[in-house]
Amino acid sequence: MEMLGSMEIMGVRGVRRPKSSPAGDLDVNLLFTSVDSLLGIASQKELYDGDSLDILKLIELRDDLRVEFVSLDSAISGKLSRDGDKWVISVNKGHSRNRQRFTLAHELAHYVLHKSEKESFTDTVFFRGMSVNNIEYAANDFAAKLLMPEDRVRRLVREGVASVETLAESFGVSVAAMLYRVKQLGFRTKA
């Protein structure tokens, strides 16, 4: 049984702890493999302000990733591209902070899930319409789960937060992204 908070894995003979670096921290370069591993890293590194993940600090833990905020066409949210031995996440500096946060998580998803398939990704659409292909859908899903973890969303709802707007504010995401996530988790919303 894997426990994300302590990053311990129960085995038949007891507890195995992952190998750590000389400083005692987990080697985050090995653990950028899934939403769950990233959530574990974020908890261990205390990358939360309330329930809002500091996605930029999470990305900056990787030596082979760089983030830049640049002017892009307003229809383009962001890009992930290879530059030698590094990957560059370009974020549209003209977009809102919440859109930028989702873009960062979305491009990180491409890095984790798809970097072996292509050298670059340009993203123009996130939650608009049904034209999203499988790669974009997977990156959206990954980003939603990373920025709005199920356990944190459910806890806030149990504590009485009933407004999608309030939830969106808590997680630093757009209302559209939050609405997508609460529906994904099976909550009903008013039309």
C-alpha atoms as a PDB file:
ATOM      1  CA  MET A   1       0.000   0.000   0.000  1.00  0.00           C
ATOM      2  CA  GLU A   2       1.458   3.324  -1.049  1.00  0.00           C
ATOM      3  CA  MET A   3       1.087   6.296   1.297  1.00  0.00           C
ATOM      4  CA  LEU A   4       1.627   9.564  -0.514  1.00  0.00           C
ATOM      5  CA  GLY A   5       2.223  11.795   2.494  1.00  0.00           C
ATOM      6  CA  SER A   6       5.142   9.810   3.853  1.00  0.00           C
ATOM      7  CA  MET A   7       6.115   8.237   0.526  1.00  0.00           C
ATOM      8  CA  GLU A   8       6.389   4.836   2.198  1.00  0.00           C
ATOM      9  CA  ILE A   9       5.502   1.632   0.424  1.00  0.00           C
ATOM     10  CA  MET A  10       4.213  -1.304   2.449  1.00  0.00           C
ATOM     11  CA  GLY A  11       5.624  -4.621   1.399  1.00  0.00           C
ATOM     12  CA  VAL A  12       5.144  -8.183   2.577  1.00  0.00           C
ATOM     13  CA  ARG A  13       8.002  -7.892   5.083  1.00  0.00           C
ATOM     14  CA  GLY A  14       7.432  -4.341   6.269  1.00  0.00           C
ATOM     15  CA  VAL A  15       8.129  -0.819   5.161  1.00  0.00           C
ATOM     16  CA  ARG A  16      10.530   0.112   2.368  1.00  0.00           C
ATOM     17  CA  ARG A  17      11.611   3.718   2.140  1.00  0.00           C
ATOM     18  CA  PRO A  18      12.768   5.047  -1.223  1.00  0.00           C
ATOM     19  CA  LYS A  19      16.470   5.869  -1.448  1.00  0.00           C
ATOM     20  CA  SER A  20      17.239   9.467  -0.694  1.00  0.00           C
ATOM     21  CA  SER A  21      19.884  11.908  -1.747  1.00  0.00           C
ATOM     22  CA  PRO A  22      22.711  12.898   0.624  1.00  0.00           C
ATOM     23  CA  ALA A  23      20.604  15.818   1.846  1.00  0.00           C
ATOM     24  CA  GLY A  24      17.873  13.371   2.910  1.00  0.00           C
ATOM     25  CA  ASP A  25      15.318  14.520   0.327  1.00  0.00           C
ATOM     26  CA  LEU A  26      13.790  12.194  -2.217  1.00  0.00           C
ATOM     27  CA  ASP A  27      15.308  12.444  -5.669  1.00  0.00           C
ATOM     28  CA  VAL A  28      12.518  14.405  -7.330  1.00  0.00           C
ATOM     29  CA  ASN A  29      13.975  13.803 -10.775  1.00  0.00           C
ATOM     30  CA  LEU A  30      13.027  10.143 -10.450  1.00  0.00           C
ATOM     31  CA  LEU A  31       9.545  10.892  -9.163  1.00  0.00           C
ATOM     32  CA  PHE A  32       8.157  13.162 -11.915  1.00  0.00           C
ATOM     33  CA  THR A  33       6.176  10.217 -13.281  1.00  0.00           C
ATOM     34  CA  SER A  34       2.509  10.654 -12.322  1.00  0.00           C
ATOM     35  CA  VAL A  35       0.013  12.985 -10.682  1.00  0.00           C
ATOM     36  CA  ASP A  36       0.282  11.005  -7.447  1.00  0.00           C
ATOM     37  CA  SER A  37       4.077  11.237  -7.352  1.00  0.00           C
ATOM     38  CA  LEU A  38       3.930  14.988  -8.026  1.00  0.00           C
ATOM     39  CA  LEU A  39       1.338  15.481  -5.286  1.00  0.00           C
ATOM     40  CA  GLY A  40       3.631  13.584  -2.923  1.00  0.00           C
ATOM     41  CA  ILE A  41       6.566  15.803  -3.845  1.00  0.00           C
ATOM     42  CA  ALA A  42       4.419  18.931  -3.422  1.00  0.00           C
ATOM     43  CA  SER A  43       3.388  17.813   0.063  1.00  0.00           C
ATOM     44  CA  GLN A  44       6.914  16.849   1.081  1.00  0.00           C
ATOM     45  CA  LYS A  45       8.348  20.141  -0.196  1.00  0.00           C
ATOM     46  CA  GLU A  46       5.435  22.113   1.339  1.00  0.00           C
ATOM     47  CA  LEU A  47       4.514  23.741  -1.969  1.00  0.00           C
ATOM     48  CA  TYR A  48       0.997  24.720  -0.930  1.00  0.00           C
ATOM     49  CA  ASP A  49      -0.461  28.062   0.063  1.00  0.00           C
ATOM     50  CA  GLY A  50      -3.641  26.801   1.688  1.00  0.00           C
ATOM     51  CA  ASP A  51      -4.993  24.466  -1.005  1.00  0.00           C
ATOM     52  CA  SER A  52      -3.287  26.230  -3.910  1.00  0.00           C
ATOM     53  CA  LEU A  53      -0.250  24.393  -5.305  1.00  0.00           C
ATOM     54  CA  ASP A  54       2.762  26.534  -6.198  1.00  0.00           C
ATOM     55  CA  ILE A  55       3.022  24.906  -9.604  1.00  0.00           C
ATOM     56  CA  LEU A  56       5.965  27.084 -10.642  1.00  0.00           C
ATOM     57  CA  LYS A  57       8.091  25.948  -7.676  1.00  0.00           C
ATOM     58  CA  LEU A  58       7.149  22.331  -8.406  1.00  0.00           C
ATOM     59  CA  ILE A  59       8.323  22.663 -12.010  1.00  0.00           C
ATOM     60  CA  GLU A  60      11.507  24.443 -10.921  1.00  0.00           C
ATOM     61  CA  LEU A  61      12.545  21.314  -8.989  1.00  0.00           C
ATOM     62  CA  ARG A  62      13.453  19.716 -12.326  1.00  0.00           C
ATOM     63  CA  ASP A  63      16.879  20.510 -13.738  1.00  0.00           C
ATOM     64  CA  ASP A  64      15.785  19.833 -17.314  1.00  0.00           C
ATOM     65  CA  LEU A  65      12.726  22.139 -17.278  1.00  0.00           C
ATOM     66  CA  ARG A  66      12.658  25.908 -17.695  1.00  0.00           C
ATOM     67  CA  VAL A  67       9.655  28.253 -17.599  1.00  0.00           C
ATOM     68  CA  GLU A  68       9.339  31.498 -19.531  1.00  0.00           C
ATOM     69  CA  PHE A  69       6.465  33.978 -19.628  1.00  0.00           C
ATOM     70  CA  VAL A  70       6.286  35.386 -23.153  1.00  0.00           C
ATOM     71  CA  SER A  71       3.988  37.253 -25.507  1.00  0.00           C
ATOM     72  CA  LEU A  72       1.972  34.783 -27.558  1.00  0.00           C
ATOM     73  CA  ASP A  73      -1.083  35.092 -29.771  1.00  0.00           C
ATOM     74  CA  SER A  74      -4.100  35.385 -27.459  1.00  0.00           C
ATOM     75  CA  ALA A  75      -5.434  32.054 -28.761  1.00  0.00           C
ATOM     76  CA  ILE A  76      -2.288  30.251 -27.563  1.00  0.00           C
ATOM     77  CA  SER A  77      -2.107  29.431 -23.863  1.00  0.00           C
ATOM     78  CA  GLY A  78       1.313  27.866 -23.853  1.00  0.00           C
ATOM     79  CA  LYS A  79       3.921  25.635 -25.407  1.00  0.00           C
ATOM     80  CA  LEU A  80       6.300  22.882 -24.399  1.00  0.00           C
ATOM     81  CA  SER A  81       9.374  22.496 -26.581  1.00  0.00           C
ATOM     82  CA  ARG A  82      12.731  20.823 -26.474  1.00  0.00           C
ATOM     83  CA  ASP A  83      15.804  23.076 -26.491  1.00  0.00           C
ATOM     84  CA  GLY A  84      18.892  20.870 -26.545  1.00  0.00           C
ATOM     85  CA  ASP A  85      18.898  18.825 -23.351  1.00  0.00           C
ATOM     86  CA  LYS A  86      16.251  21.026 -21.683  1.00  0.00           C
ATOM     87  CA  TRP A  87      12.505  21.401 -22.058  1.00  0.00           C
ATOM     88  CA  VAL A  88      11.001  24.885 -22.098  1.00  0.00           C
ATOM     89  CA  ILE A  89       7.493  25.703 -20.952  1.00  0.00           C
ATOM     90  CA  SER A  90       6.371  28.952 -22.576  1.00  0.00           C
ATOM     91  CA  VAL A  91       3.346  30.592 -20.968  1.00  0.00           C
ATOM     92  CA  ASN A  92       1.294  33.420 -22.456  1.00  0.00           C
ATOM     93  CA  LYS A  93       2.081  36.383 -20.218  1.00  0.00           C
ATOM     94  CA  GLY A  94      -1.078  38.128 -21.425  1.00  0.00           C
ATOM     95  CA  HIS A  95      -3.389  35.532 -19.886  1.00  0.00           C
ATOM     96  CA  SER A  96      -4.849  35.679 -16.378  1.00  0.00           C
ATOM     97  CA  ARG A  97      -2.904  34.245 -13.444  1.00  0.00           C
ATOM     98  CA  ASN A  98      -5.348  31.329 -13.128  1.00  0.00           C
ATOM     99  CA  ARG A  99      -5.049  30.513 -16.845  1.00  0.00           C
ATOM    100  CA  GLN A 100      -1.251  30.660 -16.538  1.00  0.00           C
ATOM    101  CA  ARG A 101      -1.337  28.249 -13.590  1.00  0.00           C
ATOM    102  CA  PHE A 102      -3.444  25.773 -15.551  1.00  0.00           C
ATOM    103  CA  THR A 103      -1.176  26.199 -18.565  1.00  0.00           C
ATOM    104  CA  LEU A 104       1.867  25.395 -16.420  1.00  0.00           C
ATOM    105  CA  ALA A 105       0.186  22.224 -15.119  1.00  0.00           C
ATOM    106  CA  HIS A 106      -0.993  21.289 -18.620  1.00  0.00           C
ATOM    107  CA  GLU A 107       2.488  21.695 -20.123  1.00  0.00           C
ATOM    108  CA  LEU A 108       3.995  19.779 -17.194  1.00  0.00           C
ATOM    109  CA  ALA A 109       1.542  17.001 -18.074  1.00  0.00           C
ATOM    110  CA  HIS A 110       2.879  16.937 -21.643  1.00  0.00           C
ATOM    111  CA  TYR A 111       6.396  16.735 -20.200  1.00  0.00           C
ATOM    112  CA  VAL A 112       5.524  13.801 -17.921  1.00  0.00           C
ATOM    113  CA  LEU A 113       3.174  11.929 -20.261  1.00  0.00           C
ATOM    114  CA  HIS A 114       4.164  12.751 -23.831  1.00  0.00           C
ATOM    115  CA  LYS A 115       7.732  14.065 -24.142  1.00  0.00           C
ATOM    116  CA  SER A 116       8.893  10.807 -25.728  1.00  0.00           C
ATOM    117  CA  GLU A 117       6.289  11.201 -28.492  1.00  0.00           C
ATOM    118  CA  LYS A 118       7.029  14.708 -29.802  1.00  0.00           C
ATOM    119  CA  GLU A 119       9.601  17.502 -29.574  1.00  0.00           C
ATOM    120  CA  SER A 120       7.023  20.261 -29.079  1.00  0.00           C
ATOM    121  CA  PHE A 121       3.422  20.942 -28.132  1.00  0.00           C
ATOM    122  CA  THR A 122       1.413  24.128 -28.728  1.00  0.00           C
ATOM    123  CA  ASP A 123      -1.824  24.454 -26.797  1.00  0.00           C
ATOM    124  CA  THR A 124      -4.644  26.674 -27.922  1.00  0.00           C
ATOM    125  CA  VAL A 125      -7.709  25.122 -26.289  1.00  0.00           C
ATOM    126  CA  PHE A 126      -8.291  23.640 -22.842  1.00  0.00           C
ATOM    127  CA  PHE A 127     -11.914  23.405 -21.756  1.00  0.00           C
ATOM    128  CA  ARG A 128     -13.651  24.674 -24.881  1.00  0.00           C
ATOM    129  CA  GLY A 129     -15.761  22.281 -26.917  1.00  0.00           C
ATOM    130  CA  MET A 130     -15.370  18.661 -27.874  1.00  0.00           C
ATOM    131  CA  SER A 131     -12.493  19.039 -30.345  1.00  0.00           C
ATOM    132  CA  VAL A 132      -9.837  18.053 -27.825  1.00  0.00           C
ATOM    133  CA  ASN A 133      -7.757  15.076 -28.961  1.00  0.00           C
ATOM    134  CA  ASN A 134      -6.591  12.259 -26.679  1.00  0.00           C
ATOM    135  CA  ILE A 135      -3.206  13.833 -25.900  1.00  0.00           C
ATOM    136  CA  GLU A 136      -4.809  17.169 -24.985  1.00  0.00           C
ATOM    137  CA  TYR A 137      -7.554  15.448 -22.994  1.00  0.00           C
ATOM    138  CA  ALA A 138      -4.923  13.509 -21.014  1.00  0.00           C
ATOM    139  CA  ALA A 139      -2.949  16.702 -20.325  1.00  0.00           C
ATOM    140  CA  ASN A 140      -6.120  18.528 -19.187  1.00  0.00           C
ATOM    141  CA  ASP A 141      -7.073  15.633 -16.936  1.00  0.00           C
ATOM    142  CA  PHE A 142      -3.571  15.471 -15.438  1.00  0.00           C
ATOM    143  CA  ALA A 143      -3.524  19.244 -14.834  1.00  0.00           C
ATOM    144  CA  ALA A 144      -6.968  19.190 -13.207  1.00  0.00           C
ATOM    145  CA  LYS A 145      -5.983  16.360 -10.867  1.00  0.00           C
ATOM    146  CA  LEU A 146      -2.691  18.072  -9.998  1.00  0.00           C
ATOM    147  CA  LEU A 147      -4.108  21.533  -9.289  1.00  0.00           C
ATOM    148  CA  MET A 148      -7.360  20.306  -7.722  1.00  0.00           C
ATOM    149  CA  PRO A 149      -6.513  17.060  -5.886  1.00  0.00           C
ATOM    150  CA  GLU A 150      -9.523  14.902  -5.106  1.00  0.00           C
ATOM    151  CA  ASP A 151      -8.830  14.664  -1.376  1.00  0.00           C
ATOM    152  CA  ARG A 152      -8.545  18.450  -1.013  1.00  0.00           C
ATOM    153  CA  VAL A 153     -11.672  19.148  -3.083  1.00  0.00           C
ATOM    154  CA  ARG A 154     -13.713  16.596  -1.122  1.00  0.00           C
ATOM    155  CA  ARG A 155     -12.432  17.976   2.196  1.00  0.00           C
ATOM    156  CA  LEU A 156     -13.527  21.508   1.329  1.00  0.00           C
ATOM    157  CA  VAL A 157     -16.945  20.283   0.203  1.00  0.00           C
ATOM    158  CA  ARG A 158     -17.318  18.285   3.458  1.00  0.00           C
ATOM    159  CA  GLU A 159     -16.384  21.449   5.350  1.00  0.00           C
ATOM    160  CA  GLY A 160     -19.323  23.204   3.707  1.00  0.00           C
ATOM    161  CA  VAL A 161     -17.852  24.991   0.701  1.00  0.00           C
ATOM    162  CA  ALA A 162     -20.730  24.760  -1.784  1.00  0.00           C
ATOM    163  CA  SER A 163     -19.763  27.423  -4.318  1.00  0.00           C
ATOM    164  CA  VAL A 164     -17.754  26.526  -7.415  1.00  0.00           C
ATOM    165  CA  GLU A 165     -16.439  30.098  -7.392  1.00  0.00           C
ATOM    166  CA  THR A 166     -15.144  29.727  -3.817  1.00  0.00           C
ATOM    167  CA  LEU A 167     -13.551  26.380  -4.636  1.00  0.00           C
ATOM    168  CA  ALA A 168     -11.905  27.891  -7.735  1.00  0.00           C
ATOM    169  CA  GLU A 169     -10.481  30.703  -5.619  1.00  0.00           C
ATOM    170  CA  SER A 170      -9.137  28.221  -3.049  1.00  0.00           C
ATOM    171  CA  PHE A 171      -7.259  26.280  -5.724  1.00  0.00           C
ATOM    172  CA  GLY A 172      -6.184  29.276  -7.829  1.00  0.00           C
ATOM    173  CA  VAL A 173      -7.961  28.045 -10.955  1.00  0.00           C
ATOM    174  CA  SER A 174     -10.684  29.358 -13.232  1.00  0.00           C
ATOM    175  CA  VAL A 175     -14.331  28.685 -12.493  1.00  0.00           C
ATOM    176  CA  ALA A 176     -14.496  26.667 -15.751  1.00  0.00           C
ATOM    177  CA  ALA A 177     -11.627  24.412 -14.626  1.00  0.00           C
ATOM    178  CA  MET A 178     -13.174  23.969 -11.175  1.00  0.00           C
ATOM    179  CA  LEU A 179     -16.578  23.167 -12.663  1.00  0.00           C
ATOM    180  CA  TYR A 180     -14.940  20.500 -14.841  1.00  0.00           C
ATOM    181  CA  ARG A 181     -13.222  18.986 -11.815  1.00  0.00           C
ATOM    182  CA  VAL A 182     -16.246  18.884  -9.492  1.00  0.00           C
ATOM    183  CA  LYS A 183     -18.330  17.263 -12.233  1.00  0.00           C
ATOM    184  CA  GLN A 184     -15.500  14.785 -12.831  1.00  0.00           C
ATOM    185  CA  LEU A 185     -15.612  13.917  -9.123  1.00  0.00           C
ATOM    186  CA  GLY A 186     -19.358  13.279  -9.332  1.00  0.00           C
ATOM    187  CA  PHE A 187     -20.694  16.392  -7.634  1.00  0.00           C
ATOM    188  CA  ARG A 188     -23.868  17.913  -8.995  1.00  0.00           C
ATOM    189  CA  THR A 189     -23.970  21.582  -9.806  1.00  0.00           C
ATOM    190  CA  LYS A 190     -26.795  23.989 -10.450  1.00  0.00           C
ATOM    191  CA  ALA A 191     -27.367  24.636 -14.137  1.00  0.00           C
END
